[in-house]
Amino acid sequence: MVNRGYTLIEILVAVGIFTVVIAAPTGFLVSSLKGQQKALSSQELVDGVSFSLEYMSRAIRMAKKDLAGFCITKDMNYETTRGGKGIKFKNYEGVCHEFFWDTDNTLKEVKDTGFPVALTSNDLEVVSFKFGPDGSWDQNDNEQPQITLFLEVKGIKSQKPELQPQIKIQTTISQRNLDVTY
């Protein structure tokens, strides 16, 4: 009698080898997909923070000294607001402009007495927003007004904690107009 079938041991060995051959590339694929998700989250975070920081930098750089004291204290370039969580100034159009860290952990702006407008996406969480030093913000010195912004932001809130990127940025902005007595 000729045996034309496979034994149970031969089938188990073949299934075992097939499983190992398939499992290795599958694990590689899963890990590369997680890496891609993290990279995309990081890029989204950097794009959102970059936009906000560039927008604030441009407005702060173009600020004017408030000679009349209409917007902020007379002869000041900038002034802190909201218990140190905001900065207010007179922009290049002569309009009161304020940037602040809101209670919903987003950065917002207000022009004149208008409504606050978000500068960061609701998906991003602002962990920290600080600025300083305020020693050069008045007319009583020979220093050019400058602001150093410290910003710490976490990535997309809806993702798993291990996929949430986080970034810390510090930049210093000098006022464009010379701080001279006129």
N, C-alpha and C. Protein backbone atom coordinates (compact mmCIF):
# COMPACT_ATOMS: atom_id res chain seq x y z
N MET A 1 0.83 -1.17 0.00
CA MET A 1 0.00 0.00 0.00
C MET A 1 0.89 1.26 0.00
N VAL A 2 0.60 2.20 -0.91
CA VAL A 2 1.37 3.43 -1.04
C VAL A 2 0.67 4.55 -0.24
N ASN A 3 1.44 5.20 0.61
CA ASN A 3 0.90 6.28 1.46
C ASN A 3 1.09 7.61 0.73
N ARG A 4 -0.01 8.26 0.35
CA ARG A 4 0.07 9.53 -0.40
C ARG A 4 -0.28 10.74 0.45
N GLY A 5 -0.58 10.65 1.69
CA GLY A 5 -0.95 11.78 2.57
C GLY A 5 0.22 12.24 3.42
N TYR A 6 -0.03 13.28 4.17
CA TYR A 6 0.98 13.83 5.07
C TYR A 6 0.64 13.41 6.50
N THR A 7 1.67 13.27 7.27
CA THR A 7 1.42 12.93 8.67
C THR A 7 1.10 14.20 9.45
N LEU A 8 0.57 14.00 10.63
CA LEU A 8 0.21 15.14 11.48
C LEU A 8 1.45 15.96 11.85
N ILE A 9 2.54 15.33 12.06
CA ILE A 9 3.78 16.03 12.42
C ILE A 9 4.26 16.88 11.25
N GLU A 10 4.19 16.38 10.04
CA GLU A 10 4.60 17.15 8.87
C GLU A 10 3.73 18.38 8.68
N ILE A 11 2.45 18.23 8.92
CA ILE A 11 1.53 19.39 8.80
C ILE A 11 1.83 20.42 9.88
N LEU A 12 2.07 19.98 11.10
CA LEU A 12 2.38 20.91 12.19
C LEU A 12 3.69 21.65 11.92
N VAL A 13 4.69 20.98 11.42
CA VAL A 13 5.96 21.63 11.08
C VAL A 13 5.75 22.66 9.97
N ALA A 14 4.99 22.31 8.96
CA ALA A 14 4.72 23.24 7.85
C ALA A 14 3.96 24.47 8.33
N VAL A 15 2.95 24.28 9.18
CA VAL A 15 2.17 25.42 9.72
C VAL A 15 3.07 26.29 10.60
N GLY A 16 3.95 25.66 11.39
CA GLY A 16 4.88 26.41 12.24
C GLY A 16 5.81 27.28 11.43
N ILE A 17 6.39 26.71 10.37
CA ILE A 17 7.30 27.47 9.50
C ILE A 17 6.53 28.60 8.80
N PHE A 18 5.34 28.32 8.31
CA PHE A 18 4.52 29.34 7.66
C PHE A 18 4.22 30.49 8.64
N THR A 19 3.89 30.16 9.89
CA THR A 19 3.59 31.19 10.90
C THR A 19 4.79 32.07 11.16
N VAL A 20 5.96 31.50 11.29
CA VAL A 20 7.18 32.28 11.52
C VAL A 20 7.47 33.18 10.32
N VAL A 21 7.32 32.65 9.13
CA VAL A 21 7.59 33.43 7.91
C VAL A 21 6.62 34.60 7.79
N ILE A 22 5.37 34.43 8.16
CA ILE A 22 4.37 35.49 8.06
C ILE A 22 4.47 36.46 9.25
N ALA A 23 4.77 35.97 10.44
CA ALA A 23 4.78 36.81 11.65
C ALA A 23 5.88 37.87 11.61
N ALA A 24 7.05 37.54 11.10
CA ALA A 24 8.16 38.49 11.08
C ALA A 24 7.82 39.74 10.26
N PRO A 25 7.39 39.62 9.01
CA PRO A 25 7.03 40.82 8.25
C PRO A 25 5.82 41.56 8.83
N THR A 26 4.89 40.83 9.42
CA THR A 26 3.72 41.49 10.01
C THR A 26 4.13 42.37 11.19
N GLY A 27 5.02 41.86 12.04
CA GLY A 27 5.53 42.67 13.16
C GLY A 27 6.26 43.90 12.67
N PHE A 28 7.05 43.73 11.62
CA PHE A 28 7.77 44.86 11.03
C PHE A 28 6.78 45.90 10.48
N LEU A 29 5.74 45.43 9.82
CA LEU A 29 4.73 46.33 9.26
C LEU A 29 4.02 47.11 10.36
N VAL A 30 3.64 46.44 11.43
CA VAL A 30 2.95 47.11 12.54
C VAL A 30 3.84 48.15 13.19
N SER A 31 5.11 47.81 13.43
CA SER A 31 6.00 48.79 14.06
C SER A 31 6.27 49.98 13.14
N SER A 32 6.38 49.76 11.84
CA SER A 32 6.59 50.88 10.93
C SER A 32 5.34 51.76 10.81
N LEU A 33 4.15 51.18 10.92
CA LEU A 33 2.92 51.99 10.92
C LEU A 33 2.84 52.88 12.16
N LYS A 34 3.23 52.33 13.32
CA LYS A 34 3.26 53.14 14.55
C LYS A 34 4.28 54.27 14.42
N GLY A 35 5.42 53.98 13.84
CA GLY A 35 6.43 55.01 13.62
C GLY A 35 5.93 56.10 12.68
N GLN A 36 5.21 55.70 11.66
CA GLN A 36 4.65 56.69 10.74
C GLN A 36 3.60 57.55 11.42
N GLN A 37 2.75 56.94 12.26
CA GLN A 37 1.75 57.72 13.01
C GLN A 37 2.42 58.74 13.90
N LYS A 38 3.48 58.34 14.58
CA LYS A 38 4.20 59.25 15.48
C LYS A 38 4.85 60.39 14.69
N ALA A 39 5.43 60.06 13.54
CA ALA A 39 6.06 61.08 12.70
C ALA A 39 5.02 62.07 12.18
N LEU A 40 3.86 61.58 11.77
CA LEU A 40 2.80 62.47 11.28
C LEU A 40 2.27 63.36 12.41
N SER A 41 2.13 62.80 13.62
CA SER A 41 1.69 63.59 14.77
C SER A 41 2.70 64.67 15.10
N SER A 42 3.97 64.33 15.05
CA SER A 42 5.02 65.31 15.31
C SER A 42 5.00 66.42 14.26
N GLN A 43 4.82 66.06 13.01
CA GLN A 43 4.77 67.06 11.94
C GLN A 43 3.57 67.98 12.10
N GLU A 44 2.43 67.41 12.46
CA GLU A 44 1.23 68.21 12.69
C GLU A 44 1.44 69.18 13.84
N LEU A 45 2.08 68.72 14.89
CA LEU A 45 2.39 69.57 16.05
C LEU A 45 3.31 70.71 15.64
N VAL A 46 4.37 70.39 14.93
CA VAL A 46 5.33 71.41 14.51
C VAL A 46 4.66 72.42 13.58
N ASP A 47 3.82 71.97 12.67
CA ASP A 47 3.12 72.89 11.77
C ASP A 47 2.23 73.86 12.54
N GLY A 48 1.45 73.33 13.49
CA GLY A 48 0.54 74.18 14.27
C GLY A 48 1.28 75.17 15.14
N VAL A 49 2.33 74.72 15.80
CA VAL A 49 3.11 75.60 16.67
C VAL A 49 3.88 76.62 15.84
N SER A 50 4.40 76.19 14.73
CA SER A 50 5.15 77.10 13.86
C SER A 50 4.28 78.25 13.37
N PHE A 51 3.06 77.93 12.94
CA PHE A 51 2.14 78.98 12.50
C PHE A 51 1.87 79.98 13.63
N SER A 52 1.52 79.47 14.80
CA SER A 52 1.18 80.34 15.93
C SER A 52 2.36 81.20 16.33
N LEU A 53 3.53 80.60 16.43
CA LEU A 53 4.71 81.34 16.86
C LEU A 53 5.12 82.40 15.84
N GLU A 54 5.04 82.07 14.57
CA GLU A 54 5.37 83.04 13.52
C GLU A 54 4.39 84.21 13.53
N TYR A 55 3.11 83.91 13.70
CA TYR A 55 2.09 84.95 13.73
C TYR A 55 2.31 85.90 14.92
N MET A 56 2.56 85.31 16.10
CA MET A 56 2.80 86.14 17.29
C MET A 56 4.09 86.94 17.14
N SER A 57 5.12 86.31 16.62
CA SER A 57 6.41 86.99 16.45
C SER A 57 6.29 88.21 15.55
N ARG A 58 5.58 88.05 14.45
CA ARG A 58 5.41 89.16 13.52
C ARG A 58 4.66 90.32 14.17
N ALA A 59 3.59 90.02 14.89
CA ALA A 59 2.80 91.06 15.54
C ALA A 59 3.61 91.75 16.64
N ILE A 60 4.32 90.99 17.44
CA ILE A 60 5.12 91.56 18.54
C ILE A 60 6.27 92.40 17.99
N ARG A 61 6.89 91.93 16.93
CA ARG A 61 8.00 92.67 16.32
C ARG A 61 7.54 94.02 15.77
N MET A 62 6.30 94.09 15.30
CA MET A 62 5.79 95.32 14.69
C MET A 62 5.09 96.23 15.70
N ALA A 63 5.12 95.91 16.99
CA ALA A 63 4.43 96.70 18.00
C ALA A 63 4.97 98.12 18.07
N LYS A 64 4.09 99.03 18.52
CA LYS A 64 4.47 100.43 18.70
C LYS A 64 4.41 100.79 20.17
N LYS A 65 5.16 101.77 20.53
CA LYS A 65 5.11 102.29 21.89
C LYS A 65 3.79 103.05 22.06
N ASP A 66 3.15 102.87 23.19
CA ASP A 66 1.89 103.57 23.46
C ASP A 66 2.22 104.88 24.17
N LEU A 67 2.34 105.95 23.40
CA LEU A 67 2.73 107.24 23.95
C LEU A 67 1.60 107.91 24.72
N ALA A 68 0.35 107.60 24.39
CA ALA A 68 -0.78 108.24 25.05
C ALA A 68 -1.32 107.43 26.23
N GLY A 69 -0.94 106.19 26.34
CA GLY A 69 -1.46 105.34 27.41
C GLY A 69 -2.88 104.88 27.15
N PHE A 70 -3.28 104.84 25.88
CA PHE A 70 -4.65 104.43 25.52
C PHE A 70 -4.84 102.92 25.66
N CYS A 71 -3.87 102.17 25.23
CA CYS A 71 -3.98 100.71 25.21
C CYS A 71 -3.35 100.09 26.45
N ILE A 72 -2.12 100.50 26.74
CA ILE A 72 -1.39 100.01 27.91
C ILE A 72 -0.81 101.21 28.64
N THR A 73 -0.02 100.97 29.65
CA THR A 73 0.58 102.07 30.42
C THR A 73 1.38 102.99 29.50
N LYS A 74 1.27 104.28 29.75
CA LYS A 74 1.93 105.30 28.93
C LYS A 74 3.43 105.03 28.80
N ASP A 75 3.95 105.21 27.60
CA ASP A 75 5.36 105.04 27.25
C ASP A 75 5.86 103.60 27.39
N MET A 76 4.96 102.66 27.40
CA MET A 76 5.37 101.25 27.46
C MET A 76 5.22 100.64 26.07
N ASN A 77 5.99 99.60 25.82
CA ASN A 77 5.91 98.87 24.57
C ASN A 77 5.01 97.64 24.70
N TYR A 78 5.10 96.98 25.86
CA TYR A 78 4.33 95.77 26.13
C TYR A 78 3.90 95.78 27.59
N GLU A 79 2.88 94.98 27.89
CA GLU A 79 2.42 94.89 29.27
C GLU A 79 1.82 93.49 29.49
N THR A 80 2.09 92.92 30.65
CA THR A 80 1.53 91.60 30.95
C THR A 80 0.07 91.75 31.38
N THR A 81 -0.71 90.72 31.08
CA THR A 81 -2.13 90.70 31.42
C THR A 81 -2.49 89.32 31.95
N ARG A 82 -3.70 89.18 32.42
CA ARG A 82 -4.28 87.90 32.84
C ARG A 82 -3.39 87.15 33.82
N GLY A 83 -2.88 87.88 34.80
CA GLY A 83 -2.06 87.26 35.83
C GLY A 83 -0.77 86.66 35.29
N GLY A 84 -0.18 87.29 34.30
CA GLY A 84 1.07 86.80 33.73
C GLY A 84 0.90 85.79 32.60
N LYS A 85 -0.33 85.51 32.21
CA LYS A 85 -0.58 84.54 31.14
C LYS A 85 -0.84 85.21 29.80
N GLY A 86 -0.74 86.52 29.75
CA GLY A 86 -1.00 87.24 28.51
C GLY A 86 -0.06 88.41 28.35
N ILE A 87 0.05 88.87 27.12
CA ILE A 87 0.85 90.06 26.82
C ILE A 87 0.04 90.96 25.90
N LYS A 88 0.04 92.25 26.22
CA LYS A 88 -0.76 93.22 25.47
C LYS A 88 0.16 94.30 24.94
N PHE A 89 -0.17 94.82 23.77
CA PHE A 89 0.63 95.87 23.14
C PHE A 89 -0.22 96.59 22.10
N LYS A 90 0.32 97.68 21.61
CA LYS A 90 -0.33 98.45 20.54
C LYS A 90 0.32 98.01 19.24
N ASN A 91 -0.49 97.44 18.32
CA ASN A 91 0.12 96.92 17.10
C ASN A 91 0.42 98.04 16.10
N TYR A 92 0.98 97.70 14.97
CA TYR A 92 1.42 98.69 13.98
C TYR A 92 0.27 99.51 13.39
N GLU A 93 -0.96 99.01 13.52
CA GLU A 93 -2.13 99.76 13.05
C GLU A 93 -2.70 100.66 14.13
N GLY A 94 -2.09 100.66 15.32
CA GLY A 94 -2.58 101.47 16.43
C GLY A 94 -3.70 100.80 17.21
N VAL A 95 -3.91 99.51 17.01
CA VAL A 95 -4.99 98.76 17.65
C VAL A 95 -4.40 97.97 18.84
N CYS A 96 -5.14 97.93 19.95
CA CYS A 96 -4.72 97.11 21.09
C CYS A 96 -4.77 95.64 20.68
N HIS A 97 -3.72 94.94 20.99
CA HIS A 97 -3.58 93.54 20.58
C HIS A 97 -3.09 92.76 21.79
N GLU A 98 -3.68 91.58 22.03
CA GLU A 98 -3.29 90.76 23.18
C GLU A 98 -3.20 89.30 22.76
N PHE A 99 -2.15 88.64 23.24
CA PHE A 99 -2.01 87.20 23.11
C PHE A 99 -2.07 86.63 24.52
N PHE A 100 -2.79 85.51 24.69
CA PHE A 100 -2.87 84.93 26.04
C PHE A 100 -3.10 83.43 25.98
N TRP A 101 -2.76 82.79 27.09
CA TRP A 101 -2.94 81.36 27.29
C TRP A 101 -4.27 81.18 28.00
N ASP A 102 -5.25 80.60 27.32
CA ASP A 102 -6.60 80.49 27.85
C ASP A 102 -6.76 79.25 28.74
N THR A 103 -7.86 79.21 29.47
CA THR A 103 -8.12 78.12 30.40
C THR A 103 -8.34 76.77 29.69
N ASP A 104 -8.67 76.78 28.41
CA ASP A 104 -8.84 75.52 27.68
C ASP A 104 -7.52 75.03 27.06
N ASN A 105 -6.41 75.58 27.54
CA ASN A 105 -5.05 75.21 27.13
C ASN A 105 -4.79 75.44 25.65
N THR A 106 -5.31 76.56 25.13
CA THR A 106 -5.00 77.01 23.78
C THR A 106 -4.48 78.43 23.86
N LEU A 107 -3.75 78.84 22.83
CA LEU A 107 -3.32 80.23 22.72
C LEU A 107 -4.38 80.99 21.95
N LYS A 108 -4.69 82.20 22.42
CA LYS A 108 -5.70 83.01 21.76
C LYS A 108 -5.21 84.44 21.62
N GLU A 109 -5.89 85.16 20.75
CA GLU A 109 -5.59 86.58 20.57
C GLU A 109 -6.88 87.37 20.62
N VAL A 110 -6.75 88.63 21.04
CA VAL A 110 -7.87 89.56 21.04
C VAL A 110 -7.34 90.88 20.49
N LYS A 111 -8.07 91.45 19.55
CA LYS A 111 -7.74 92.78 19.04
C LYS A 111 -8.82 93.73 19.51
N ASP A 112 -8.40 94.87 20.05
CA ASP A 112 -9.31 95.84 20.67
C ASP A 112 -10.21 95.14 21.68
N THR A 113 -11.49 95.32 21.58
CA THR A 113 -12.40 94.67 22.53
C THR A 113 -13.18 93.56 21.84
N GLY A 114 -12.61 92.99 20.80
CA GLY A 114 -13.28 91.93 20.06
C GLY A 114 -13.29 90.61 20.82
N PHE A 115 -13.73 89.60 20.12
CA PHE A 115 -13.82 88.27 20.72
C PHE A 115 -12.49 87.54 20.56
N PRO A 116 -12.16 86.68 21.52
CA PRO A 116 -10.92 85.90 21.40
C PRO A 116 -10.97 84.95 20.20
N VAL A 117 -9.84 84.84 19.52
CA VAL A 117 -9.70 83.95 18.38
C VAL A 117 -8.56 82.99 18.70
N ALA A 118 -8.79 81.70 18.50
CA ALA A 118 -7.78 80.68 18.80
C ALA A 118 -6.63 80.74 17.80
N LEU A 119 -5.41 80.62 18.30
CA LEU A 119 -4.23 80.55 17.45
C LEU A 119 -3.71 79.13 17.32
N THR A 120 -4.13 78.27 18.24
CA THR A 120 -3.73 76.87 18.18
C THR A 120 -4.98 76.00 18.03
N SER A 121 -4.80 74.87 17.43
CA SER A 121 -5.89 73.92 17.22
C SER A 121 -6.36 73.36 18.56
N ASN A 122 -7.61 72.95 18.62
CA ASN A 122 -8.12 72.32 19.83
C ASN A 122 -7.48 70.96 20.07
N ASP A 123 -6.88 70.39 19.04
CA ASP A 123 -6.20 69.11 19.20
C ASP A 123 -4.86 69.25 19.91
N LEU A 124 -4.31 70.46 19.93
CA LEU A 124 -3.03 70.70 20.59
C LEU A 124 -3.28 71.25 21.98
N GLU A 125 -2.46 70.82 22.92
CA GLU A 125 -2.59 71.27 24.30
C GLU A 125 -1.37 72.10 24.68
N VAL A 126 -1.60 73.38 24.98
CA VAL A 126 -0.51 74.24 25.42
C VAL A 126 -0.25 73.93 26.89
N VAL A 127 0.92 73.42 27.18
CA VAL A 127 1.29 73.04 28.54
C VAL A 127 1.83 74.24 29.30
N SER A 128 2.55 75.11 28.60
CA SER A 128 3.16 76.27 29.25
C SER A 128 3.35 77.39 28.22
N PHE A 129 3.08 78.63 28.65
CA PHE A 129 3.31 79.81 27.81
C PHE A 129 3.80 80.92 28.73
N LYS A 130 5.07 81.27 28.58
CA LYS A 130 5.68 82.31 29.42
C LYS A 130 6.42 83.27 28.52
N PHE A 131 6.65 84.45 29.03
CA PHE A 131 7.42 85.43 28.29
C PHE A 131 8.13 86.33 29.27
N GLY A 132 9.13 87.00 28.78
CA GLY A 132 9.91 87.91 29.62
C GLY A 132 11.12 88.33 28.83
N PRO A 133 12.09 88.96 29.33
CA PRO A 133 12.06 89.71 30.59
C PRO A 133 11.41 91.06 30.34
N ASP A 134 10.74 91.60 31.34
CA ASP A 134 10.04 92.87 31.14
C ASP A 134 10.91 94.08 31.48
N GLY A 135 12.20 93.91 31.65
CA GLY A 135 13.09 95.02 32.00
C GLY A 135 13.33 96.01 30.87
N SER A 136 13.06 95.65 29.63
CA SER A 136 13.34 96.56 28.51
C SER A 136 12.06 97.05 27.84
N TRP A 137 10.93 96.91 28.50
CA TRP A 137 9.67 97.24 27.85
C TRP A 137 9.25 98.69 28.00
N ASP A 138 10.00 99.49 28.73
CA ASP A 138 9.60 100.89 28.92
C ASP A 138 10.59 101.83 28.24
N GLN A 139 10.36 103.11 28.38
CA GLN A 139 11.17 104.13 27.74
C GLN A 139 12.32 104.59 28.64
N ASN A 140 12.38 104.10 29.86
CA ASN A 140 13.33 104.62 30.83
C ASN A 140 14.69 103.95 30.79
N ASP A 141 15.06 103.36 29.69
CA ASP A 141 16.37 102.74 29.57
C ASP A 141 16.88 102.92 28.15
N ASN A 142 18.07 102.46 27.92
CA ASN A 142 18.66 102.55 26.59
C ASN A 142 18.66 101.20 25.89
N GLU A 143 17.76 100.31 26.29
CA GLU A 143 17.70 98.98 25.71
C GLU A 143 16.57 98.87 24.70
N GLN A 144 16.84 98.11 23.66
CA GLN A 144 15.81 97.84 22.66
C GLN A 144 14.80 96.86 23.25
N PRO A 145 13.49 97.15 23.14
CA PRO A 145 12.49 96.23 23.68
C PRO A 145 12.60 94.85 23.04
N GLN A 146 12.57 93.83 23.87
CA GLN A 146 12.60 92.46 23.37
C GLN A 146 11.77 91.57 24.28
N ILE A 147 11.28 90.51 23.70
CA ILE A 147 10.47 89.54 24.43
C ILE A 147 11.01 88.16 24.11
N THR A 148 11.18 87.36 25.13
CA THR A 148 11.54 85.96 24.94
C THR A 148 10.31 85.13 25.23
N LEU A 149 9.86 84.37 24.24
CA LEU A 149 8.68 83.52 24.40
C LEU A 149 9.13 82.09 24.70
N PHE A 150 8.50 81.49 25.70
CA PHE A 150 8.71 80.08 26.05
C PHE A 150 7.38 79.39 25.81
N LEU A 151 7.38 78.38 24.98
CA LEU A 151 6.14 77.69 24.63
C LEU A 151 6.38 76.19 24.69
N GLU A 152 5.50 75.50 25.43
CA GLU A 152 5.55 74.05 25.50
C GLU A 152 4.18 73.53 25.10
N VAL A 153 4.16 72.66 24.10
CA VAL A 153 2.90 72.17 23.54
C VAL A 153 2.95 70.65 23.41
N LYS A 154 1.83 70.01 23.74
CA LYS A 154 1.66 68.56 23.56
C LYS A 154 0.84 68.32 22.31
N GLY A 155 1.02 67.17 21.74
CA GLY A 155 0.35 66.81 20.50
C GLY A 155 -1.11 66.48 20.65
N ILE A 156 -1.62 65.80 19.68
CA ILE A 156 -3.04 65.52 19.53
C ILE A 156 -3.61 64.82 20.76
N LYS A 157 -4.65 65.43 21.34
CA LYS A 157 -5.24 64.94 22.58
C LYS A 157 -5.91 63.58 22.43
N SER A 158 -6.42 63.28 21.26
CA SER A 158 -7.21 62.06 21.08
C SER A 158 -6.33 60.81 20.93
N GLN A 159 -5.03 60.97 20.77
CA GLN A 159 -4.17 59.82 20.56
C GLN A 159 -3.69 59.21 21.87
N LYS A 160 -3.15 58.03 21.76
CA LYS A 160 -2.57 57.35 22.92
C LYS A 160 -1.40 58.18 23.43
N PRO A 161 -1.15 58.16 24.74
CA PRO A 161 -0.06 58.97 25.31
C PRO A 161 1.31 58.72 24.67
N GLU A 162 1.60 57.48 24.28
CA GLU A 162 2.91 57.21 23.68
C GLU A 162 3.06 57.79 22.28
N LEU A 163 1.95 58.14 21.65
CA LEU A 163 1.99 58.75 20.32
C LEU A 163 1.86 60.28 20.37
N GLN A 164 1.65 60.84 21.56
CA GLN A 164 1.52 62.29 21.69
C GLN A 164 2.89 62.95 21.71
N PRO A 165 3.26 63.63 20.65
CA PRO A 165 4.55 64.32 20.66
C PRO A 165 4.47 65.56 21.54
N GLN A 166 5.61 66.02 22.00
CA GLN A 166 5.67 67.22 22.82
C GLN A 166 6.86 68.04 22.34
N ILE A 167 6.69 69.37 22.36
CA ILE A 167 7.76 70.24 21.88
C ILE A 167 7.89 71.43 22.82
N LYS A 168 9.13 71.85 23.04
CA LYS A 168 9.43 73.06 23.82
C LYS A 168 10.18 74.00 22.89
N ILE A 169 9.71 75.24 22.83
CA ILE A 169 10.33 76.22 21.94
C ILE A 169 10.60 77.50 22.74
N GLN A 170 11.74 78.09 22.47
CA GLN A 170 12.07 79.39 23.05
C GLN A 170 12.60 80.26 21.92
N THR A 171 12.10 81.47 21.82
CA THR A 171 12.58 82.41 20.81
C THR A 171 12.55 83.82 21.38
N THR A 172 13.46 84.63 20.95
CA THR A 172 13.53 86.03 21.39
C THR A 172 13.23 86.93 20.21
N ILE A 173 12.36 87.91 20.46
CA ILE A 173 11.90 88.83 19.42
C ILE A 173 12.23 90.24 19.84
N SER A 174 12.89 90.99 18.98
CA SER A 174 13.14 92.40 19.23
C SER A 174 12.11 93.23 18.51
N GLN A 175 11.76 94.34 19.11
CA GLN A 175 10.83 95.24 18.45
C GLN A 175 11.52 95.86 17.25
N ARG A 176 10.78 95.99 16.17
CA ARG A 176 11.36 96.50 14.92
C ARG A 176 11.71 97.98 15.03
N ASN A 177 10.81 98.76 15.61
CA ASN A 177 11.06 100.19 15.75
C ASN A 177 12.08 100.44 16.85
N LEU A 178 13.00 101.35 16.62
CA LEU A 178 13.97 101.68 17.64
C LEU A 178 13.28 102.32 18.83
N ASP A 179 13.76 101.99 20.02
CA ASP A 179 13.20 102.54 21.25
C ASP A 179 13.98 103.81 21.61
N VAL A 180 13.58 104.90 21.00
CA VAL A 180 14.24 106.17 21.25
C VAL A 180 13.23 107.18 21.76
N THR A 181 13.71 108.12 22.51
CA THR A 181 12.83 109.17 23.01
C THR A 181 12.51 110.12 21.87
N TYR A 182 11.22 110.42 21.69
CA TYR A 182 10.85 111.40 20.67
C TYR A 182 10.01 112.47 21.23
